[in-house]
């Protein structure tokens, strides 16, 4: 039985074929989690095979190879039309479709004929392994499939592809029931990354490990899982193997079945861990990166993000694991790494470019526009929301306005804070204070938290706030004492 494409998949397929007719040979298909990129890709390959054209599909993990073979059969291909090139498997060298392990193909030095070369998880296409194989097909059409068209270091895909074809958007997929809108919590106790050095465009994992293995932070992760997600099957992403193993141990100590999984394990042992999780025997599954791509477990609806990252790709890949619909279950993100405020909500629509992300100063990570943290329960919500749908907290109405040609538009709290800071910058009086807006309060709370966690003083936190907003915070003693309790006189 041939799989029926969704309307947006048909539109994307038509756009891809139009570009090919115009002579575009390298096309990157961007399909968010839940959009059915493998189904879409299999349909294109099936169309080529129907005309007698050979094709090659490249993937980097054996699980992705098996999933692709299934989708190709669902797309209407006969099993005899599909061969697999992978170490330890018997292939079909005469099949028109060759589903290939990128490592096996490169190691063998063979190049089965192809008019189309399709790459799964195409944000990897700039790696030398992929470039070497791609060079074997100078005349073929190259089509990449990905949900996140950047490398994890922020580098764009312009060197590998010439055009982007977009397949749907998170908002459309949520509206049509193909994705679940996740509830996102960002906990006040999170690692201080302000002084963490950068390696390959992201935080240095060795330095991060020293911070995240602290008992206070580890305890907060376990405590808040019991508060918000007790009993629900959960996937957790740590900084490194030691951190992932320590998290699993902490959960077990709290009475929860938890296992760690990583890429150094024997495939048989890894499969056994995944089987126990699928059966429900294991409640928590901890890892570093092994489950970020190509792992489909729609029954798992809780993500614990314990790894700070500057990569929006890594953040969205992790969140995508829990956003597929399953029996009406809701999705929950417990963000103990501050990633929601760095990169925005995983449900947000994004404008992707082949150019990649703009370059920033070394180590600079600014909170993303369009989100805010509820001061009542620490849920991360859209900046335009007036009421938190988790605890009912209500923000004060926004009063700022800006004159523009043709219309009046409201200015958000962040814009107001920037205007106030600019006005105060040259004002006389080094001790001038400013009343906190809701957004400033959340920002100062974040600054206080970092200062307390890293052993700095309340005064250093106030100075950091002044440097950012142009004045000292006014009437903030109660907030400051939450993180810096006053010393008690001896009895």
Protein backbone atom coordinates (compact mmCIF):
# COMPACT_ATOMS: atom_id res chain seq x y z
CA UNK A 1 0.00 0.00 0.00
CA UNK A 2 1.43 3.35 -1.09
CA UNK A 3 1.67 6.01 1.63
CA UNK A 4 -0.55 9.07 1.07
CA UNK A 5 1.34 12.36 1.26
CA UNK A 6 0.03 15.27 3.29
CA UNK A 7 -0.83 18.44 1.33
CA UNK A 8 2.26 20.34 2.48
CA UNK A 9 4.46 17.38 1.51
CA UNK A 10 2.95 17.43 -1.98
CA UNK A 11 3.65 21.19 -2.26
CA UNK A 12 7.26 20.73 -1.17
CA UNK A 13 7.69 17.84 -3.61
CA UNK A 14 6.38 19.98 -6.46
CA UNK A 15 8.74 22.82 -5.50
CA UNK A 16 11.70 20.42 -5.43
CA UNK A 17 10.87 19.09 -8.88
CA UNK A 18 10.45 22.64 -10.22
CA UNK A 19 13.94 23.56 -8.99
CA UNK A 20 15.40 20.44 -10.58
CA UNK A 21 13.76 21.35 -13.91
CA UNK A 22 15.36 24.80 -13.62
CA UNK A 23 18.79 23.18 -13.30
CA UNK A 24 19.29 23.48 -9.51
CA UNK A 25 21.30 20.40 -8.54
CA UNK A 26 21.77 20.84 -4.78
CA UNK A 27 18.60 21.30 -2.70
CA UNK A 28 18.24 21.30 1.09
CA UNK A 29 14.82 20.22 2.36
CA UNK A 30 13.97 21.64 5.79
CA UNK A 31 11.24 19.67 7.55
CA UNK A 32 10.56 20.16 11.28
CA UNK A 33 10.19 17.18 13.57
CA UNK A 34 6.85 15.55 12.79
CA UNK A 35 6.68 16.80 9.19
CA UNK A 36 7.50 13.34 7.81
CA UNK A 37 10.77 14.12 6.04
CA UNK A 38 11.63 10.47 5.46
CA UNK A 39 8.19 9.79 3.96
CA UNK A 40 8.62 12.86 1.75
CA UNK A 41 12.10 11.76 0.68
CA UNK A 42 11.00 8.17 0.02
CA UNK A 43 8.24 9.45 -2.25
CA UNK A 44 10.74 11.44 -4.35
CA UNK A 45 13.02 8.42 -4.65
CA UNK A 46 10.09 6.16 -5.58
CA UNK A 47 9.19 8.57 -8.37
CA UNK A 48 12.75 8.40 -9.73
CA UNK A 49 12.79 4.58 -9.59
CA UNK A 50 9.46 4.45 -11.45
CA UNK A 51 11.31 6.08 -14.36
CA UNK A 52 14.15 3.57 -14.12
CA UNK A 53 16.63 5.96 -12.47
CA UNK A 54 19.04 4.62 -9.81
CA UNK A 55 19.26 6.50 -6.51
CA UNK A 56 21.38 6.47 -3.35
CA UNK A 57 20.21 7.31 0.19
CA UNK A 58 22.90 8.13 2.80
CA UNK A 59 22.56 7.94 6.60
CA UNK A 60 25.03 7.71 9.48
CA UNK A 61 23.27 5.29 11.86
CA UNK A 62 21.92 1.79 11.39
CA UNK A 63 18.57 2.73 12.98
CA UNK A 64 18.09 5.38 10.28
CA UNK A 65 18.90 2.86 7.55
CA UNK A 66 16.24 0.44 8.79
CA UNK A 67 13.62 3.20 9.09
CA UNK A 68 14.36 4.36 5.54
CA UNK A 69 13.95 0.89 4.08
CA UNK A 70 10.53 0.65 5.75
CA UNK A 71 9.46 4.06 4.39
CA UNK A 72 10.59 3.15 0.88
CA UNK A 73 8.47 -0.01 0.96
CA UNK A 74 5.54 2.05 2.28
CA UNK A 75 6.08 4.48 -0.64
CA UNK A 76 5.31 1.62 -3.06
CA UNK A 77 8.72 0.13 -3.87
CA UNK A 78 9.19 -3.63 -4.04
CA UNK A 79 11.68 -5.15 -1.63
CA UNK A 80 13.74 -6.28 -4.61
CA UNK A 81 14.13 -2.62 -5.62
CA UNK A 82 15.86 -1.74 -2.33
CA UNK A 83 19.40 -2.73 -1.41
CA UNK A 84 21.33 -1.93 1.76
CA UNK A 85 25.06 -1.20 1.86
CA UNK A 86 26.14 -1.68 5.46
CA UNK A 87 28.81 -3.72 7.20
CA UNK A 88 27.55 -7.19 8.07
CA UNK A 89 24.51 -7.11 5.75
CA UNK A 90 23.97 -8.93 2.48
CA UNK A 91 23.12 -6.40 -0.20
CA UNK A 92 21.25 -6.35 -3.49
CA UNK A 93 23.82 -4.83 -5.87
CA UNK A 94 21.36 -4.68 -8.77
CA UNK A 95 18.62 -2.82 -6.88
CA UNK A 96 17.80 0.66 -8.19
CA UNK A 97 17.75 2.09 -4.63
CA UNK A 98 20.81 1.71 -2.42
CA UNK A 99 20.33 2.71 1.20
CA UNK A 100 23.90 3.25 2.39
CA UNK A 101 25.79 3.66 5.62
CA UNK A 102 28.01 6.66 4.93
CA UNK A 103 30.95 5.05 6.76
CA UNK A 104 30.61 1.73 4.92
CA UNK A 105 30.31 3.39 1.52
CA UNK A 106 33.38 5.54 2.09
CA UNK A 107 35.40 2.64 3.50
CA UNK A 108 34.62 0.42 0.51
CA UNK A 109 35.43 3.16 -1.98
CA UNK A 110 32.54 2.02 -4.18
CA UNK A 111 30.04 4.32 -5.85
CA UNK A 112 26.80 2.63 -6.91
CA UNK A 113 25.21 4.53 -9.81
CA UNK A 114 22.79 7.31 -8.90
CA UNK A 115 20.90 10.15 -10.55
CA UNK A 116 19.76 11.36 -7.10
CA UNK A 117 21.84 11.31 -3.91
CA UNK A 118 19.71 11.93 -0.82
CA UNK A 119 21.29 12.65 2.59
CA UNK A 120 19.42 12.16 5.86
CA UNK A 121 20.31 14.48 8.79
CA UNK A 122 21.87 16.73 6.15
CA UNK A 123 23.23 19.24 8.68
CA UNK A 124 26.12 16.75 8.71
CA UNK A 125 26.77 17.19 4.98
CA UNK A 126 29.82 19.42 5.48
CA UNK A 127 31.72 16.68 7.32
CA UNK A 128 34.65 15.30 5.32
CA UNK A 129 33.07 11.85 5.11
CA UNK A 130 30.00 13.23 3.35
CA UNK A 131 32.01 15.58 1.14
CA UNK A 132 34.19 12.68 -0.03
CA UNK A 133 31.14 10.61 -1.00
CA UNK A 134 29.34 13.57 -2.56
CA UNK A 135 32.35 14.21 -4.81
CA UNK A 136 31.80 10.75 -6.35
CA UNK A 137 28.54 12.03 -7.90
CA UNK A 138 29.32 15.29 -9.73
CA UNK A 139 26.40 14.91 -12.17
CA UNK A 140 23.71 13.78 -9.71
CA UNK A 141 20.97 15.82 -8.05
CA UNK A 142 21.81 16.14 -4.34
CA UNK A 143 18.88 16.46 -1.91
CA UNK A 144 19.42 16.92 1.83
CA UNK A 145 16.83 16.23 4.53
CA UNK A 146 17.02 17.95 7.92
CA UNK A 147 14.96 19.65 10.60
CA UNK A 148 17.82 22.01 11.51
CA UNK A 149 19.81 23.40 8.53
CA UNK A 150 22.91 24.41 10.46
CA UNK A 151 25.89 22.60 11.87
CA UNK A 152 25.98 22.45 15.64
CA UNK A 153 28.74 25.09 15.55
CA UNK A 154 26.38 27.48 13.72
CA UNK A 155 28.03 27.14 10.29
CA UNK A 156 25.55 27.33 7.42
CA UNK A 157 25.04 24.83 4.61
CA UNK A 158 25.86 27.09 1.67
CA UNK A 159 28.95 25.06 0.78
CA UNK A 160 26.82 21.95 0.22
CA UNK A 161 23.46 23.26 -1.08
CA UNK A 162 22.16 26.07 -3.28
CA UNK A 163 18.47 26.35 -2.32
CA UNK A 164 16.19 25.62 0.62
CA UNK A 165 12.76 24.00 0.27
CA UNK A 166 10.67 24.34 3.43
CA UNK A 167 8.26 21.57 4.38
CA UNK A 168 5.64 23.00 6.78
CA UNK A 169 6.39 24.77 10.10
CA UNK A 170 6.05 23.91 13.81
CA UNK A 171 2.95 26.12 14.17
CA UNK A 172 1.24 24.40 11.23
CA UNK A 173 2.15 20.93 12.47
CA UNK A 174 0.84 21.72 15.96
CA UNK A 175 -2.38 23.22 14.56
CA UNK A 176 -2.97 20.12 12.41
CA UNK A 177 -2.19 17.66 15.21
CA UNK A 178 1.10 16.32 13.83
CA UNK A 179 3.10 17.81 16.74
CA UNK A 180 2.40 18.39 20.43
CA UNK A 181 2.89 21.85 21.93
CA UNK A 182 5.31 21.29 24.83
CA UNK A 183 5.11 22.96 28.22
CA UNK A 184 8.57 24.33 29.05
CA UNK A 185 9.89 25.03 32.55
CA UNK A 186 13.21 26.77 33.15
CA UNK A 187 14.41 26.23 36.70
CA UNK A 188 16.07 29.07 38.66
CA UNK A 189 19.10 26.97 39.63
CA UNK A 190 21.16 26.50 36.46
CA UNK A 191 24.87 26.40 35.57
CA UNK A 192 26.73 29.70 35.30
CA UNK A 193 28.14 29.72 31.75
CA UNK A 194 29.21 33.37 31.76
CA UNK A 195 32.91 32.45 32.00
CA UNK A 196 32.86 29.09 30.21
CA UNK A 197 35.26 28.97 27.27
CA UNK A 198 34.13 27.92 23.81
CA UNK A 199 35.29 24.87 21.85
CA UNK A 200 34.14 24.28 18.23
CA UNK A 201 31.43 26.89 18.59
CA UNK A 202 29.86 25.51 21.78
CA UNK A 203 30.57 25.47 25.52
CA UNK A 204 33.65 23.46 26.49
CA UNK A 205 32.23 20.13 27.76
CA UNK A 206 35.09 19.64 30.22
CA UNK A 207 34.41 22.98 31.90
CA UNK A 208 30.66 22.37 31.84
CA UNK A 209 31.13 19.00 33.51
CA UNK A 210 32.89 20.63 36.45
CA UNK A 211 29.87 22.88 36.98
CA UNK A 212 26.95 20.51 36.39
CA UNK A 213 28.24 17.72 38.64
CA UNK A 214 27.72 19.87 41.74
CA UNK A 215 25.31 18.29 44.27
CA UNK A 216 23.06 21.36 44.46
CA UNK A 217 22.36 21.36 40.74
CA UNK A 218 22.02 17.59 40.49
CA UNK A 219 19.58 17.59 43.39
CA UNK A 220 17.46 20.31 41.82
CA UNK A 221 17.08 18.23 38.64
CA UNK A 222 15.84 15.19 40.54
CA UNK A 223 13.63 17.22 42.87
CA UNK A 224 11.88 19.07 40.09
CA UNK A 225 11.38 15.93 38.03
CA UNK A 226 9.50 14.44 40.99
CA UNK A 227 7.52 17.67 41.28
CA UNK A 228 6.49 18.01 37.63
CA UNK A 229 6.90 14.63 35.93
CA UNK A 230 6.94 11.83 38.52
CA UNK A 231 6.27 8.46 36.95
CA UNK A 232 6.39 9.65 33.33
CA UNK A 233 8.91 8.13 30.95
CA UNK A 234 11.69 10.65 30.43
CA UNK A 235 14.76 11.20 28.29
CA UNK A 236 17.57 13.29 29.81
CA UNK A 237 20.54 14.86 28.03
CA UNK A 238 23.73 15.44 30.01
CA UNK A 239 27.03 17.17 29.34
CA UNK A 240 29.23 14.07 29.10
CA UNK A 241 29.11 10.37 29.92
CA UNK A 242 30.11 10.92 33.55
CA UNK A 243 27.32 13.46 34.00
CA UNK A 244 24.75 11.22 32.29
CA UNK A 245 25.74 8.26 34.48
CA UNK A 246 25.62 10.42 37.61
CA UNK A 247 22.10 11.61 36.75
CA UNK A 248 20.91 8.02 36.30
CA UNK A 249 22.45 7.11 39.65
CA UNK A 250 20.74 10.07 41.36
CA UNK A 251 17.36 9.05 39.96
CA UNK A 252 17.86 5.47 41.09
CA UNK A 253 18.77 6.72 44.57
CA UNK A 254 15.42 8.55 44.64
CA UNK A 255 13.55 5.32 43.89
CA UNK A 256 13.14 5.63 40.11
CA UNK A 257 14.28 3.07 37.53
CA UNK A 258 16.88 4.82 35.36
CA UNK A 259 19.53 3.70 32.86
CA UNK A 260 22.34 5.40 30.98
CA UNK A 261 23.11 4.80 27.29
CA UNK A 262 26.04 5.97 25.16
CA UNK A 263 27.74 5.33 21.84
CA UNK A 264 30.64 3.37 23.34
CA UNK A 265 28.33 0.53 24.41
CA UNK A 266 28.10 -2.67 22.38
CA UNK A 267 25.10 -2.46 20.00
CA UNK A 268 23.57 -5.50 21.70
CA UNK A 269 23.73 -3.81 25.13
CA UNK A 270 22.40 -0.55 23.71
CA UNK A 271 19.49 -2.35 22.07
CA UNK A 272 18.68 -4.06 25.38
CA UNK A 273 18.54 -0.70 27.20
CA UNK A 274 16.24 0.75 24.53
CA UNK A 275 14.03 -2.35 24.65
CA UNK A 276 13.57 -2.02 28.43
CA UNK A 277 12.69 1.65 28.00
CA UNK A 278 10.18 0.84 25.27
CA UNK A 279 8.60 -1.85 27.45
CA UNK A 280 8.24 0.63 30.31
CA UNK A 281 10.56 -1.29 32.62
CA UNK A 282 12.85 1.77 32.68
CA UNK A 283 11.39 5.17 33.50
CA UNK A 284 14.39 7.45 32.90
CA UNK A 285 16.86 7.16 30.02
CA UNK A 286 19.96 9.37 30.28
CA UNK A 287 22.45 10.05 27.48
CA UNK A 288 24.67 12.72 25.93
CA UNK A 289 24.06 12.83 22.15
CA UNK A 290 23.20 9.30 21.09
CA UNK A 291 19.42 9.88 21.22
CA UNK A 292 19.36 13.40 19.73
CA UNK A 293 18.87 12.28 16.12
CA UNK A 294 16.74 9.63 14.47
CA UNK A 295 15.38 8.15 17.72
CA UNK A 296 11.61 7.76 17.57
CA UNK A 297 9.92 7.07 20.91
CA UNK A 298 6.57 8.92 20.75
CA UNK A 299 5.45 7.47 24.10
CA UNK A 300 8.30 9.40 25.81
CA UNK A 301 6.87 12.81 26.55
CA UNK A 302 9.29 14.36 29.07
CA UNK A 303 12.68 15.90 28.29
CA UNK A 304 15.19 16.92 30.94
CA UNK A 305 17.67 19.34 29.36
CA UNK A 306 20.74 19.36 31.60
CA UNK A 307 23.28 20.39 28.97
CA UNK A 308 23.77 24.12 28.27
CA UNK A 309 24.50 24.69 24.59
CA UNK A 310 24.98 27.62 22.24
CA UNK A 311 23.69 25.44 19.39
CA UNK A 312 20.04 25.92 18.45
CA UNK A 313 20.44 22.74 16.35
CA UNK A 314 21.32 20.63 19.38
CA UNK A 315 18.49 22.19 21.44
CA UNK A 316 15.81 21.58 18.79
CA UNK A 317 17.03 18.05 18.09
CA UNK A 318 16.65 17.14 21.76
CA UNK A 319 13.21 18.75 22.06
CA UNK A 320 12.03 17.04 18.90
CA UNK A 321 12.26 13.65 20.62
CA UNK A 322 9.14 14.33 22.74
CA UNK A 323 6.96 16.40 20.40
CA UNK A 324 5.36 13.65 18.31
CA UNK A 325 1.73 12.94 19.27
CA UNK A 326 0.93 9.77 21.20
CA UNK A 327 -2.42 8.79 22.71
CA UNK A 328 -3.25 12.36 23.69
CA UNK A 329 -0.27 12.72 26.06
CA UNK A 330 1.15 16.20 26.67
CA UNK A 331 4.84 17.02 26.27
CA UNK A 332 6.98 18.53 29.02
CA UNK A 333 10.46 20.11 28.94
CA UNK A 334 12.35 20.64 32.21
CA UNK A 335 15.11 23.00 31.11
CA UNK A 336 17.85 23.04 33.74
CA UNK A 337 20.36 24.48 31.26
CA UNK A 338 18.80 27.82 30.26
CA UNK A 339 18.49 26.73 26.63
CA UNK A 340 14.90 27.94 26.21
CA UNK A 341 16.01 31.48 26.99
CA UNK A 342 19.03 31.20 24.69
CA UNK A 343 17.23 29.76 21.69
CA UNK A 344 13.49 30.21 22.20
CA UNK A 345 10.67 27.72 22.52
CA UNK A 346 10.98 24.54 20.44
CA UNK A 347 7.50 25.21 19.04
CA UNK A 348 8.52 28.57 17.55
CA UNK A 349 8.66 29.05 13.78
CA UNK A 350 12.13 30.01 12.52
CA UNK A 351 13.58 31.62 9.43
CA UNK A 352 16.46 29.41 8.33
CA UNK A 353 19.21 30.46 5.96
CA UNK A 354 22.00 28.68 4.14
CA UNK A 355 24.31 31.33 5.61
CA UNK A 356 24.02 29.93 9.16
CA UNK A 357 23.80 32.01 12.33
CA UNK A 358 25.46 35.43 12.57
CA UNK A 359 28.84 35.40 14.24
CA UNK A 360 28.98 36.66 17.84
CA UNK A 361 31.70 37.68 20.19
CA UNK A 362 33.44 34.71 21.74
CA UNK A 363 31.19 33.12 24.33
CA UNK A 364 28.37 35.65 23.89
CA UNK A 365 24.90 34.21 24.24
CA UNK A 366 21.97 36.62 24.47
CA UNK A 367 18.52 35.60 25.74
CA UNK A 368 16.29 35.02 22.74
CA UNK A 369 13.61 37.57 21.92
CA UNK A 370 10.04 36.33 22.05
CA UNK A 371 10.15 34.40 25.33
CA UNK A 372 9.97 35.18 29.04
CA UNK A 373 10.01 33.21 32.29
CA UNK A 374 6.99 33.28 34.58
CA UNK A 375 8.10 34.63 38.00
CA UNK A 376 5.47 32.43 39.65
CA UNK A 377 6.35 28.95 38.41
CA UNK A 378 9.34 29.42 36.04
CA UNK A 379 7.46 28.20 32.98
CA UNK A 380 8.86 29.62 29.74
CA UNK A 381 6.12 31.30 27.72
CA UNK A 382 5.83 33.56 24.68
CA UNK A 383 6.65 37.21 25.44
CA UNK A 384 3.21 38.37 24.26
CA UNK A 385 1.35 36.15 26.74
CA UNK A 386 -0.46 38.17 29.42
CA UNK A 387 -1.18 35.22 31.70
CA UNK A 388 0.81 32.07 32.51
CA UNK A 389 -1.27 29.05 31.50
CA UNK A 390 0.50 26.93 34.13
CA UNK A 391 0.01 28.93 37.35
CA UNK A 392 -2.23 31.87 36.38
CA UNK A 393 0.32 34.62 37.01
CA UNK A 394 -0.67 37.82 35.17
CA UNK A 395 1.75 40.40 33.80
CA UNK A 396 0.95 44.09 33.94
CA UNK A 397 -0.42 45.47 30.64
CA UNK A 398 2.22 46.90 28.32
CA UNK A 399 1.97 50.66 27.93
CA UNK A 400 4.78 51.52 25.57
CA UNK A 401 3.93 52.57 22.02
CA UNK A 402 6.00 53.39 19.00
CA UNK A 403 5.03 55.56 16.02
CA UNK A 404 5.51 53.89 12.64
CA UNK A 405 4.20 54.72 9.21
CA UNK A 406 0.69 53.38 8.69
CA UNK A 407 0.08 51.84 12.13
CA UNK A 408 0.73 51.96 15.85
CA UNK A 409 2.52 48.96 17.32
CA UNK A 410 3.03 47.97 20.94
CA UNK A 411 6.59 47.80 22.19
CA UNK A 412 7.43 44.92 24.52
CA UNK A 413 9.04 45.23 27.94
CA UNK A 414 12.51 44.50 26.57
CA UNK A 415 12.27 47.45 24.20
CA UNK A 416 11.05 49.71 27.02
CA UNK A 417 13.97 48.59 29.22
CA UNK A 418 16.40 49.41 26.41
CA UNK A 419 14.95 52.91 26.02
CA UNK A 420 15.11 53.54 29.77
CA UNK A 421 18.70 52.28 29.91
CA UNK A 422 19.69 54.59 27.05
CA UNK A 423 18.14 57.61 28.80
CA UNK A 424 19.83 56.80 32.08
CA UNK A 425 23.23 56.13 30.58
CA UNK A 426 24.33 59.74 30.61
CA UNK A 427 22.33 60.81 33.66
CA UNK A 428 24.14 62.30 36.61
CA UNK A 429 24.39 60.35 39.82
CA UNK A 430 26.16 57.00 40.04
CA UNK A 431 23.63 55.78 42.63
CA UNK A 432 20.49 56.35 40.57
CA UNK A 433 17.94 53.54 40.88
CA UNK A 434 15.21 52.28 38.59
CA UNK A 435 11.91 50.58 39.39
CA UNK A 436 11.86 47.03 38.04
CA UNK A 437 9.53 46.13 35.20
CA UNK A 438 8.39 42.51 35.00
CA UNK A 439 11.07 41.72 32.43
CA UNK A 440 13.75 43.50 34.47
CA UNK A 441 12.71 41.54 37.54
CA UNK A 442 13.13 38.25 35.70
CA UNK A 443 16.50 39.43 34.40
CA UNK A 444 17.72 40.53 37.86
CA UNK A 445 16.57 37.23 39.33
CA UNK A 446 18.67 35.44 36.73
CA UNK A 447 21.70 37.62 37.58
CA UNK A 448 21.25 37.02 41.33
CA UNK A 449 20.99 33.28 40.77
CA UNK A 450 24.26 33.20 38.81
CA UNK A 451 26.02 35.30 41.43
CA UNK A 452 24.85 33.11 44.33
CA UNK A 453 25.69 29.90 42.50
CA UNK A 454 29.20 31.05 41.59
CA UNK A 455 30.00 32.41 45.06
CA UNK A 456 29.91 36.12 44.17
CA UNK A 457 28.26 38.81 46.30
CA UNK A 458 24.88 40.50 46.04
CA UNK A 459 26.75 43.72 45.30
CA UNK A 460 28.35 42.19 42.21
CA UNK A 461 24.90 41.17 41.01
CA UNK A 462 23.59 44.71 41.45
CA UNK A 463 26.58 46.10 39.57
CA UNK A 464 25.99 43.65 36.69
CA UNK A 465 22.36 44.81 36.54
CA UNK A 466 23.45 48.48 36.55
CA UNK A 467 25.95 47.86 33.77
CA UNK A 468 23.19 46.29 31.67
CA UNK A 469 20.25 48.59 32.45
CA UNK A 470 21.97 51.86 33.33
CA UNK A 471 20.87 52.11 36.99
CA UNK A 472 20.76 50.14 40.22
CA UNK A 473 17.60 48.08 40.90
CA UNK A 474 15.14 49.81 43.25
CA UNK A 475 13.03 48.09 45.94
CA UNK A 476 14.64 44.72 45.26
CA UNK A 477 15.62 43.68 48.80
CA UNK A 478 13.04 40.88 49.09
CA UNK A 479 14.16 39.45 45.77
CA UNK A 480 17.84 39.71 46.75
CA UNK A 481 17.25 37.99 50.09
CA UNK A 482 15.84 34.94 48.30
CA UNK A 483 19.36 34.26 47.03
CA UNK A 484 21.42 36.06 49.70
CA UNK A 485 19.64 35.50 53.06
CA UNK A 486 20.68 38.05 55.71
CA UNK A 487 23.02 36.74 58.39
CA UNK A 488 21.31 36.03 61.71
CA UNK A 489 22.61 37.57 64.91
CA UNK A 490 24.00 35.03 67.41
CA UNK A 491 21.50 33.93 70.08
